[in-house]
Amino acid sequence: MQIVPVLVLLAVLFGLVIFFSSVKIVPQKRVMLIERLGRFHKKAEAGLNIIVPFLDSVRETIDLREQITPIEPQQVISRDNVTMTVDAVIYFMIIDPVAAIYEVQNLRWGIEQLTLSALRNVIGNLDLDHTLTSRDTINTQLRSALDVATQPWGIKIMRIELKNITPPEDIRLTMEKQMTAERTRRAVVTTAEGEKASAILRAEGQKQSQIVSAEGMKQSAILAAEGQAEARIKVAEAEARAIQLVKQSLGELNVAQYLIAQKYLESLIKVAEDSDKLVFMPYEASGALAALGGVKELLSAGAAAAK
């Protein structure tokens, strides 16, 4: 009677072992390769999968997401015989899990070796300057070469990124000196261009200033000439009115004497103003002044008569 519970317990345990051995849960974006008696049987996709215990076994679980493999720094030789150190990063995805497991012994190691070989071939066709300035071209060539070489393994090379390209120390120092000289040259050119632009702006400013000054002087001269002309017109009109008044008061003959005496008196005043010495007035001048005084009396008399 005591043997029955033990057998029942053993049966239950055996059933649980069989159950857990037959049930496989595969996570998302992963796949299990199931072998039956040592041969590939099927792929267990994401979710719940049932296998036959003791006959089926899980060979490996494959990650279908994009994977990253770093390439350690390696020495490569360029076309101009410069030895440099290069490292990179490979991004790939497993497209065919069966080929990735059964067609290559060690997938990652194989990818790394193919990458090193392709890297030496690509950089070996370039000189140092092109290697340093053509990273995108190198990445594209490496990806194309690796994509073809790894196609039988069921993987897809997404991209390859060169991380560091380190030339020898002496070449690096020479390149730094060259870059410093180039920056100095650019600074000198930029300074010269700035000074040229500044000189052009100053010349333009001076030109505009001179134009404005000339316009101002022109307007000032025009206004001055117009003022002088207007003043002369006013003086001429005043003289004409004075002559007309003298003519009405004294007659034609006295008008002529008045004008002669006026001009003579103005000439004497000018001579006196221009000379700082004693001026002797000739006899005729005193006569002219007397005549002018007579004209003044005649004007006064004519004005009184007019009243």
Protein backbone atom coordinates (compact mmCIF):
# COMPACT_ATOMS: atom_id res chain seq x y z
CA MET A 1 0.00 0.00 0.00
CA GLN A 2 2.88 2.39 0.63
CA ILE A 3 4.33 1.76 -2.82
CA VAL A 4 1.33 3.24 -4.66
CA PRO A 5 1.77 6.84 -3.44
CA VAL A 6 5.44 6.74 -4.33
CA LEU A 7 4.67 5.54 -7.82
CA VAL A 8 2.02 8.20 -8.20
CA LEU A 9 4.49 10.85 -7.05
CA LEU A 10 7.12 9.57 -9.47
CA ALA A 11 4.58 9.61 -12.28
CA VAL A 12 3.61 13.17 -11.51
CA LEU A 13 7.23 14.25 -11.43
CA PHE A 14 7.91 12.45 -14.68
CA GLY A 15 4.89 14.14 -16.25
CA LEU A 16 6.11 17.56 -15.13
CA VAL A 17 9.56 16.88 -16.56
CA ILE A 18 8.02 15.79 -19.85
CA PHE A 19 5.76 18.86 -19.90
CA PHE A 20 8.50 21.40 -19.25
CA SER A 21 10.81 19.61 -21.66
CA SER A 22 8.25 19.77 -24.45
CA VAL A 23 7.18 23.40 -23.97
CA LYS A 24 9.51 26.13 -25.26
CA ILE A 25 8.74 29.85 -25.09
CA VAL A 26 10.71 31.95 -27.57
CA PRO A 27 11.05 35.73 -26.93
CA GLN A 28 10.22 38.36 -29.54
CA LYS A 29 12.80 38.90 -32.35
CA ARG A 30 14.46 35.57 -31.55
CA VAL A 31 14.28 32.10 -33.07
CA MET A 32 15.24 28.64 -31.79
CA LEU A 33 16.81 26.01 -33.99
CA ILE A 34 15.37 22.57 -33.11
CA GLU A 35 17.31 19.43 -33.94
CA ARG A 36 15.79 15.94 -33.94
CA LEU A 37 18.25 13.13 -33.36
CA GLY A 38 21.16 15.42 -34.30
CA ARG A 39 19.67 16.81 -37.51
CA PHE A 40 18.01 20.17 -38.08
CA HIS A 41 14.26 19.76 -37.72
CA LYS A 42 12.59 23.17 -37.61
CA LYS A 43 12.74 26.78 -36.48
CA ALA A 44 10.77 27.70 -33.38
CA GLU A 45 9.40 31.22 -33.90
CA ALA A 46 8.57 33.74 -31.17
CA GLY A 47 5.84 32.50 -28.82
CA LEU A 48 4.84 29.07 -27.47
CA ASN A 49 6.34 26.04 -29.18
CA ILE A 50 5.96 22.27 -28.48
CA ILE A 51 8.78 19.83 -29.13
CA VAL A 52 9.10 16.08 -28.64
CA PRO A 53 11.02 15.30 -25.44
CA PHE A 54 14.13 13.15 -25.72
CA LEU A 55 13.96 13.32 -29.53
CA ASP A 56 14.12 17.07 -30.11
CA SER A 57 16.69 19.38 -28.65
CA VAL A 58 17.44 23.13 -28.91
CA ARG A 59 20.64 23.72 -30.86
CA GLU A 60 20.81 27.49 -30.33
CA THR A 61 18.69 30.58 -29.86
CA ILE A 62 19.41 33.21 -32.56
CA ASP A 63 18.94 36.97 -32.04
CA LEU A 64 17.37 38.53 -35.14
CA ARG A 65 17.97 42.13 -34.07
CA GLU A 66 20.75 44.30 -35.47
CA GLN A 67 23.99 43.31 -33.81
CA ILE A 68 27.22 45.20 -33.25
CA THR A 69 30.73 43.80 -33.49
CA PRO A 70 33.76 45.98 -32.74
CA ILE A 71 37.02 45.51 -34.64
CA GLU A 72 40.04 46.05 -32.44
CA PRO A 73 42.76 48.48 -33.67
CA GLN A 74 44.73 46.92 -36.49
CA GLN A 75 47.75 48.10 -38.45
CA VAL A 76 47.25 48.56 -42.18
CA ILE A 77 49.53 49.94 -44.90
CA SER A 78 48.38 52.59 -47.37
CA ARG A 79 49.36 52.84 -51.01
CA ASP A 80 52.19 55.29 -50.17
CA ASN A 81 53.64 52.80 -47.63
CA VAL A 82 52.39 54.56 -44.50
CA THR A 83 51.55 52.22 -41.62
CA MET A 84 48.52 53.41 -39.68
CA THR A 85 46.27 52.01 -36.97
CA VAL A 86 42.58 51.59 -37.79
CA ASP A 87 39.60 50.34 -35.80
CA ALA A 88 35.97 49.99 -36.83
CA VAL A 89 32.48 48.89 -35.82
CA ILE A 90 30.31 46.47 -37.84
CA TYR A 91 26.49 46.52 -37.76
CA PHE A 92 24.83 43.36 -39.14
CA MET A 93 21.63 41.31 -38.95
CA ILE A 94 21.07 37.56 -39.25
CA ILE A 95 18.67 36.96 -42.12
CA ASP A 96 18.93 33.15 -42.33
CA PRO A 97 19.47 31.61 -38.86
CA VAL A 98 20.02 28.11 -40.30
CA ALA A 99 22.88 29.24 -42.56
CA ALA A 100 24.37 31.37 -39.76
CA ILE A 101 24.68 28.27 -37.56
CA TYR A 102 25.39 25.46 -40.03
CA GLU A 103 27.43 27.26 -42.73
CA VAL A 104 30.14 28.81 -40.54
CA GLN A 105 31.84 27.55 -37.41
CA ASN A 106 32.18 30.88 -35.58
CA LEU A 107 30.10 33.65 -37.09
CA ARG A 108 31.55 36.68 -35.27
CA TRP A 109 35.13 35.54 -35.66
CA GLY A 110 34.54 34.97 -39.37
CA ILE A 111 33.04 38.45 -39.79
CA GLU A 112 36.01 40.02 -38.02
CA GLN A 113 38.52 38.21 -40.23
CA LEU A 114 36.68 39.16 -43.41
CA THR A 115 36.54 42.77 -42.23
CA LEU A 116 40.29 42.91 -41.59
CA SER A 117 41.01 41.45 -45.02
CA ALA A 118 38.66 43.89 -46.76
CA LEU A 119 40.06 46.76 -44.72
CA ARG A 120 43.62 46.00 -45.83
CA ASN A 121 42.54 45.72 -49.47
CA VAL A 122 40.56 48.99 -49.52
CA ILE A 123 43.08 51.14 -47.63
CA GLY A 124 45.95 49.56 -49.58
CA ASN A 125 44.53 51.19 -52.72
CA LEU A 126 44.48 54.67 -51.14
CA ASP A 127 47.22 57.01 -50.03
CA LEU A 128 47.28 58.61 -46.60
CA ASP A 129 45.54 61.87 -47.54
CA HIS A 130 42.65 60.09 -49.26
CA THR A 131 42.34 57.65 -46.38
CA LEU A 132 41.91 60.50 -43.91
CA THR A 133 39.42 62.41 -46.06
CA SER A 134 37.41 59.57 -47.62
CA ARG A 135 35.85 57.76 -44.69
CA ASP A 136 32.43 57.56 -46.31
CA THR A 137 33.92 56.04 -49.45
CA ILE A 138 35.89 53.49 -47.42
CA ASN A 139 32.81 52.58 -45.37
CA THR A 140 30.77 52.03 -48.53
CA GLN A 141 33.44 49.85 -50.16
CA LEU A 142 33.88 47.78 -47.01
CA ARG A 143 30.14 47.23 -46.64
CA SER A 144 29.81 46.12 -50.28
CA ALA A 145 32.75 43.71 -50.02
CA LEU A 146 31.56 42.18 -46.74
CA ASP A 147 27.96 41.95 -47.87
CA VAL A 148 28.96 39.78 -50.83
CA ALA A 149 31.39 37.65 -48.79
CA THR A 150 28.97 36.96 -45.94
CA GLN A 151 25.89 36.27 -48.05
CA PRO A 152 26.36 32.45 -47.84
CA TRP A 153 26.33 32.77 -44.05
CA GLY A 154 22.81 34.20 -44.04
CA ILE A 155 23.69 37.63 -42.65
CA LYS A 156 23.21 41.17 -43.95
CA ILE A 157 25.90 43.82 -43.36
CA MET A 158 24.01 47.02 -42.56
CA ARG A 159 26.95 49.42 -42.31
CA ILE A 160 30.58 49.73 -41.25
CA GLU A 161 31.92 52.77 -39.43
CA LEU A 162 35.63 53.56 -39.17
CA LYS A 163 36.22 54.93 -35.70
CA ASN A 164 39.85 56.06 -35.62
CA ILE A 165 42.59 56.35 -38.23
CA THR A 166 45.85 57.01 -36.44
CA PRO A 167 48.96 57.72 -38.57
CA PRO A 168 52.52 57.43 -37.18
CA GLU A 169 53.66 60.09 -34.72
CA ASP A 170 56.14 61.81 -37.06
CA ILE A 171 53.56 62.05 -39.84
CA ARG A 172 50.97 63.31 -37.39
CA LEU A 173 53.33 66.09 -36.25
CA THR A 174 54.04 67.01 -39.87
CA MET A 175 50.31 67.15 -40.61
CA GLU A 176 49.72 69.37 -37.59
CA LYS A 177 52.42 71.78 -38.80
CA GLN A 178 50.86 71.78 -42.24
CA MET A 179 47.41 72.49 -40.81
CA THR A 180 48.87 75.30 -38.66
CA ALA A 181 50.52 76.86 -41.72
CA GLU A 182 47.28 76.55 -43.67
CA ARG A 183 45.30 78.22 -40.89
CA THR A 184 47.88 81.02 -40.71
CA ARG A 185 47.62 81.52 -44.46
CA ARG A 186 43.84 81.66 -44.27
CA ALA A 187 44.03 84.16 -41.41
CA VAL A 188 46.37 86.38 -43.44
CA VAL A 189 44.10 86.17 -46.47
CA THR A 190 41.04 86.94 -44.35
CA THR A 191 42.80 89.92 -42.74
CA ALA A 192 43.87 91.24 -46.15
CA GLU A 193 40.36 90.88 -47.51
CA GLY A 194 38.98 92.68 -44.46
CA GLU A 195 41.45 95.54 -44.87
CA LYS A 196 40.61 95.73 -48.57
CA ALA A 197 36.89 95.91 -47.83
CA SER A 198 37.52 98.52 -45.13
CA ALA A 199 39.61 100.65 -47.52
CA ILE A 200 36.90 100.42 -50.16
CA LEU A 201 34.27 101.50 -47.63
CA ARG A 202 36.43 104.41 -46.46
CA ALA A 203 37.00 105.51 -50.06
CA GLU A 204 33.28 105.27 -50.76
CA GLY A 205 32.58 107.30 -47.65
CA GLN A 206 35.08 109.97 -48.60
CA LYS A 207 33.64 110.06 -52.11
CA GLN A 208 30.12 110.52 -50.80
CA SER A 209 31.35 113.16 -48.34
CA GLN A 210 33.07 115.09 -51.13
CA ILE A 211 29.97 114.85 -53.29
CA VAL A 212 27.81 116.18 -50.48
CA SER A 213 30.33 118.97 -49.76
CA ALA A 214 30.46 119.92 -53.44
CA GLU A 215 26.67 119.97 -53.60
CA GLY A 216 26.60 122.17 -50.52
CA MET A 217 29.21 124.58 -51.93
CA LYS A 218 27.29 124.66 -55.22
CA GLN A 219 24.03 125.52 -53.48
CA SER A 220 25.82 128.10 -51.32
CA ALA A 221 27.41 129.71 -54.38
CA ILE A 222 24.07 129.75 -56.16
CA LEU A 223 22.37 131.34 -53.18
CA ALA A 224 25.20 133.86 -52.79
CA ALA A 225 25.04 134.78 -56.48
CA GLU A 226 21.28 135.09 -56.31
CA GLY A 227 21.64 137.31 -53.22
CA GLN A 228 24.25 139.51 -54.91
CA ALA A 229 22.11 139.76 -58.04
CA GLU A 230 19.07 140.68 -55.98
CA ALA A 231 21.12 143.22 -54.01
CA ARG A 232 22.42 144.77 -57.22
CA ILE A 233 18.89 144.90 -58.58
CA LYS A 234 17.71 146.65 -55.42
CA VAL A 235 20.62 149.11 -55.58
CA ALA A 236 19.99 149.73 -59.26
CA GLU A 237 16.31 150.30 -58.58
CA ALA A 238 17.16 152.67 -55.76
CA GLU A 239 19.62 154.59 -57.96
CA ALA A 240 17.07 154.68 -60.74
CA ARG A 241 14.47 156.14 -58.37
CA ALA A 242 17.03 158.65 -57.07
CA ILE A 243 18.01 159.69 -60.57
CA GLN A 244 14.36 160.02 -61.51
CA LEU A 245 13.77 162.16 -58.45
CA VAL A 246 16.79 164.36 -59.28
CA LYS A 247 15.65 164.62 -62.85
CA GLN A 248 12.20 165.74 -61.81
CA SER A 249 13.60 168.27 -59.37
CA LEU A 250 16.70 169.65 -61.14
CA GLY A 251 16.45 168.83 -64.83
CA GLU A 252 18.66 166.83 -67.23
CA LEU A 253 21.83 168.94 -66.79
CA ASN A 254 21.83 168.84 -63.02
CA VAL A 255 21.27 165.06 -63.13
CA ALA A 256 24.50 164.60 -65.08
CA GLN A 257 26.40 166.84 -62.65
CA TYR A 258 24.92 164.89 -59.75
CA LEU A 259 26.09 161.57 -61.13
CA ILE A 260 29.58 162.84 -61.92
CA ALA A 261 29.95 164.29 -58.45
CA GLN A 262 28.69 161.06 -56.85
CA LYS A 263 31.17 158.84 -58.74
CA TYR A 264 33.98 161.25 -58.03
CA LEU A 265 33.17 161.25 -54.34
CA GLU A 266 33.04 157.43 -54.22
CA SER A 267 36.47 157.24 -55.88
CA LEU A 268 37.94 159.61 -53.33
CA ILE A 269 36.46 157.61 -50.46
CA LYS A 270 37.92 154.41 -51.88
CA VAL A 271 41.35 156.01 -52.23
CA ALA A 272 41.17 157.20 -48.66
CA GLU A 273 40.14 153.73 -47.39
CA ASP A 274 42.90 151.92 -49.30
CA SER A 275 45.70 154.26 -48.10
CA ASP A 276 46.85 154.71 -44.52
CA LYS A 277 48.72 157.91 -45.36
CA LEU A 278 47.68 161.53 -45.73
CA VAL A 279 45.75 162.19 -48.96
CA PHE A 280 45.84 165.56 -50.65
CA MET A 281 42.63 166.50 -52.43
CA PRO A 282 43.11 168.38 -55.70
CA TYR A 283 41.38 171.62 -56.45
CA GLU A 284 38.95 170.04 -58.83
CA ALA A 285 37.81 167.74 -56.09
CA SER A 286 36.85 170.62 -53.83
CA GLY A 287 34.93 172.09 -56.72
CA ALA A 288 33.10 168.85 -57.26
CA LEU A 289 32.23 168.69 -53.57
CA ALA A 290 30.94 172.18 -53.72
CA ALA A 291 28.88 171.25 -56.73
CA LEU A 292 27.55 168.26 -54.83
CA GLY A 293 26.63 170.55 -51.97
CA GLY A 294 24.79 172.73 -54.40
CA VAL A 295 22.96 169.74 -55.72
CA LYS A 296 21.94 168.87 -52.17
CA GLU A 297 20.54 172.38 -51.74
CA LEU A 298 18.70 172.10 -55.03
CA LEU A 299 17.22 168.75 -53.94
CA SER A 300 16.11 170.26 -50.67
CA ALA A 301 14.55 173.20 -52.50
CA GLY A 302 12.81 170.89 -54.97
CA ALA A 303 11.43 168.81 -52.16
CA ALA A 304 10.10 171.88 -50.39
CA ALA A 305 8.45 173.07 -53.57
CA ALA A 306 6.85 169.73 -54.09
CA LYS A 307 5.27 170.03 -50.67
